[in-house]
Protein backbone atom coordinates (compact mmCIF):
# COMPACT_ATOMS: atom_id res chain seq x y z
CA MET A 1 137.79 39.22 104.56
CA ILE A 2 137.91 40.10 100.85
CA ASN A 3 134.89 42.21 99.67
CA ASN A 4 134.06 41.44 95.99
CA ASN A 5 130.90 43.44 96.07
CA HIS A 6 131.03 46.00 93.40
CA GLU A 7 127.84 47.67 94.73
CA THR A 8 129.71 49.10 97.65
CA ILE A 9 131.97 51.11 95.32
CA GLN A 10 130.98 54.76 94.69
CA ILE A 11 132.05 57.55 92.35
CA SER A 12 133.94 60.11 94.43
CA SER A 13 135.62 63.44 94.01
CA SER A 14 139.24 63.96 94.73
CA ARG A 15 140.18 64.90 98.29
CA LYS A 16 142.20 67.79 99.17
CA THR A 17 143.77 65.95 102.06
CA VAL A 18 146.14 63.03 102.73
CA GLN A 19 146.30 60.68 105.51
CA VAL A 20 149.54 59.27 107.07
CA ARG A 21 149.59 56.10 109.15
CA LEU A 22 152.20 56.21 111.84
CA ASN A 23 154.09 53.12 112.78
CA SER A 24 151.94 53.10 115.98
CA GLY A 25 148.80 52.56 113.94
CA VAL A 26 147.60 56.15 114.50
CA PHE A 27 146.28 58.09 111.44
CA LEU A 28 146.81 61.92 110.89
CA GLU A 29 145.18 63.93 108.18
CA GLY A 30 146.44 67.10 106.57
CA ALA A 31 146.49 69.08 103.30
CA ILE A 32 148.15 67.51 100.23
CA ASN A 33 151.85 68.49 100.18
CA THR A 34 152.19 68.86 103.91
CA THR A 35 155.78 67.85 104.82
CA SER A 36 156.51 64.65 106.57
CA GLY A 37 158.24 66.85 109.25
CA ALA A 38 154.98 68.72 109.90
CA PHE A 39 152.97 65.43 110.36
CA LEU A 40 155.80 64.15 112.65
CA GLN A 41 156.05 67.35 114.71
CA LYS A 42 152.19 67.19 115.13
CA ALA A 43 152.46 63.63 116.24
CA LYS A 44 155.21 64.62 118.65
CA ASP A 45 153.20 67.64 119.99
CA GLU A 46 150.31 65.20 120.68
CA ASN A 47 152.50 62.65 122.45
CA LEU A 48 151.76 60.07 119.75
CA LEU A 49 155.59 59.13 119.26
CA GLU A 50 157.47 56.69 121.44
CA ASN A 51 160.31 59.12 122.39
CA SER A 52 160.81 62.78 122.40
CA TYR A 53 164.20 62.80 120.69
CA LEU A 54 165.05 65.29 118.00
CA LEU A 55 163.45 64.39 114.69
CA VAL A 56 165.95 64.36 111.80
CA ALA A 57 164.30 62.43 108.98
CA SER A 58 161.35 60.06 108.22
CA ILE A 59 160.79 56.84 106.56
CA CYS A 60 157.92 57.36 104.21
CA ASN A 61 156.42 54.44 102.42
CA GLY A 62 159.58 52.43 103.12
CA LYS A 63 162.10 55.07 101.79
CA LEU A 64 164.36 57.39 103.82
CA ARG A 65 163.18 61.01 103.38
CA GLU A 66 164.02 64.50 104.53
CA LEU A 67 161.66 66.20 106.86
CA THR A 68 160.93 68.63 104.08
CA TYR A 69 159.44 65.77 101.94
CA PRO A 70 155.95 66.67 100.81
CA ILE A 71 153.25 64.02 101.32
CA GLU A 72 151.29 64.00 98.13
CA TYR A 73 149.13 60.77 98.74
CA ASP A 74 148.22 58.55 101.56
CA SER A 75 151.33 57.21 103.19
CA THR A 76 152.94 55.34 106.03
CA LEU A 77 155.25 57.40 108.04
CA GLU A 78 157.99 56.55 110.67
CA PRO A 79 160.13 59.09 112.57
CA ILE A 80 163.93 58.90 112.49
CA THR A 81 165.38 60.51 115.56
CA LEU A 82 168.72 60.84 117.32
CA ALA A 83 167.74 57.73 119.19
CA ASN A 84 168.68 55.46 116.31
CA SER A 85 171.92 55.01 114.34
CA ASP A 86 170.52 56.47 111.12
CA GLY A 87 169.33 59.47 112.85
CA ALA A 88 172.55 60.05 114.61
CA ARG A 89 174.54 59.68 111.23
CA ILE A 90 172.15 62.08 109.45
CA TYR A 91 172.54 64.60 112.28
CA ARG A 92 176.38 64.37 112.12
CA ARG A 93 176.42 64.68 108.46
CA SER A 94 174.22 67.82 108.79
CA LEU A 95 176.69 69.32 111.26
CA ILE A 96 179.65 68.66 108.83
CA LEU A 97 177.64 70.40 106.00
CA MET A 98 176.89 73.30 108.27
CA LEU A 99 180.52 73.57 109.27
CA THR A 100 181.84 73.56 105.70
CA THR A 101 179.18 76.03 104.66
CA ALA A 102 180.14 78.31 107.50
CA ILE A 103 183.84 78.05 106.63
CA ASN A 104 183.11 78.74 102.96
CA GLU A 105 181.02 81.87 103.82
CA ILE A 106 183.57 83.26 106.32
CA PHE A 107 186.80 82.08 104.73
CA PRO A 108 185.88 81.64 101.02
CA LYS A 109 189.34 80.53 99.93
CA THR A 110 189.70 78.04 102.67
CA LYS A 111 189.04 74.32 102.01
CA VAL A 112 188.24 71.83 104.75
CA ASN A 113 188.77 68.03 104.33
CA VAL A 114 186.70 65.94 106.80
CA SER A 115 188.65 62.61 106.78
CA TYR A 116 187.01 60.40 109.24
CA ALA A 117 185.09 60.17 112.58
CA VAL A 118 187.05 59.82 115.85
CA PRO A 119 185.82 57.61 118.62
CA ASP A 120 184.54 60.35 120.94
CA GLY A 121 182.10 61.50 118.27
CA GLY A 122 184.14 64.24 116.75
CA PHE A 123 185.71 64.41 113.18
CA TYR A 124 189.24 64.73 112.08
CA CYS A 125 189.44 67.78 109.69
CA GLU A 126 192.27 69.25 107.71
CA VAL A 127 192.31 72.77 106.58
CA THR A 128 194.05 73.94 103.41
CA ASN A 129 194.75 77.47 102.10
CA HIS A 130 194.58 78.77 105.66
CA SER A 131 196.73 78.55 108.75
CA PRO A 132 195.25 76.53 111.58
CA PHE A 133 192.19 78.38 113.06
CA THR A 134 192.79 80.67 115.93
CA LYS A 135 190.57 80.69 118.98
CA SER A 136 189.01 83.91 117.67
CA GLU A 137 188.28 82.36 114.34
CA LEU A 138 186.79 79.32 115.95
CA ASN A 139 184.54 81.47 118.06
CA THR A 140 183.49 83.45 114.89
CA LEU A 141 182.67 80.05 113.12
CA GLU A 142 180.80 78.84 116.08
CA ALA A 143 178.65 82.08 116.31
CA HIS A 144 178.00 81.91 112.53
CA MET A 145 176.68 78.33 112.91
CA HIS A 146 174.53 79.40 115.82
CA ASN A 147 173.14 82.06 113.57
CA MET A 148 172.45 79.57 110.82
CA VAL A 149 170.50 77.47 113.29
CA LYS A 150 168.67 80.54 114.51
CA GLN A 151 167.66 81.54 111.06
CA ASN A 152 166.48 77.87 110.46
CA ILE A 153 168.24 77.70 107.09
CA GLN A 154 166.98 74.55 105.39
CA SER A 155 169.26 72.31 103.34
CA GLN A 156 167.71 71.19 100.14
CA SER A 157 168.60 68.26 98.03
CA ALA A 158 169.08 68.96 94.31
CA PRO A 159 168.61 66.68 91.25
CA PHE A 160 171.96 65.05 90.23
CA PRO A 161 172.93 65.98 86.63
CA LEU A 162 173.12 62.51 85.19
CA ALA A 163 174.08 63.76 81.68
CA LYS A 164 177.74 63.95 82.52
CA PRO A 165 178.30 62.54 86.04
CA SER A 166 182.11 62.09 85.77
CA HIS A 167 182.44 65.71 84.54
CA TYR A 168 180.26 66.91 87.49
CA LEU A 169 182.17 64.81 90.12
CA ASN A 170 185.48 65.99 88.80
CA HIS A 171 184.34 69.64 89.04
CA VAL A 172 182.96 69.09 92.65
CA MET A 173 186.12 67.31 93.82
CA ASN A 174 188.41 70.07 92.36
CA THR A 175 186.32 72.90 94.02
CA THR A 176 185.20 71.33 97.27
CA LYS A 177 187.00 69.23 99.83
CA CYS A 178 184.55 67.76 102.00
CA ALA A 179 184.13 63.96 102.52
């Protein structure tokens, strides 16, 4: 029913909180700029989500967002977990980024080219400027990646420099080999 009665409208002060509506219809309230991940983790802790899979992203007001996305106003929020294809793709992409970061940190002159996914869930990678990794080097990379996870290092998106995108892309393609 539409309410056209202006007498029910009141002057109000601004709130210091935001509400998120989960796709289940449940509302949560928290401070402005609380991350979508914090809201979803609270919902998970309170058993308000349909599954207990790893949270990897969210859909906030119809747009795919990172878990670090700050909620600035009342919003709708839906979890993206490993249970769906988008969540699995985001997770795999994160693993690739972590692998290439670890390689860059341990073997700075080495480039890795991730060409394509293979049917068993792995990726075909080629290494340049370095001989094939030894078992010891692979163990070092694995330990470094575990350490990155333990430190809870967050990846952050950065604004894309639109002024000269072709110059930027040429620079990136000539200095980084990761697809």
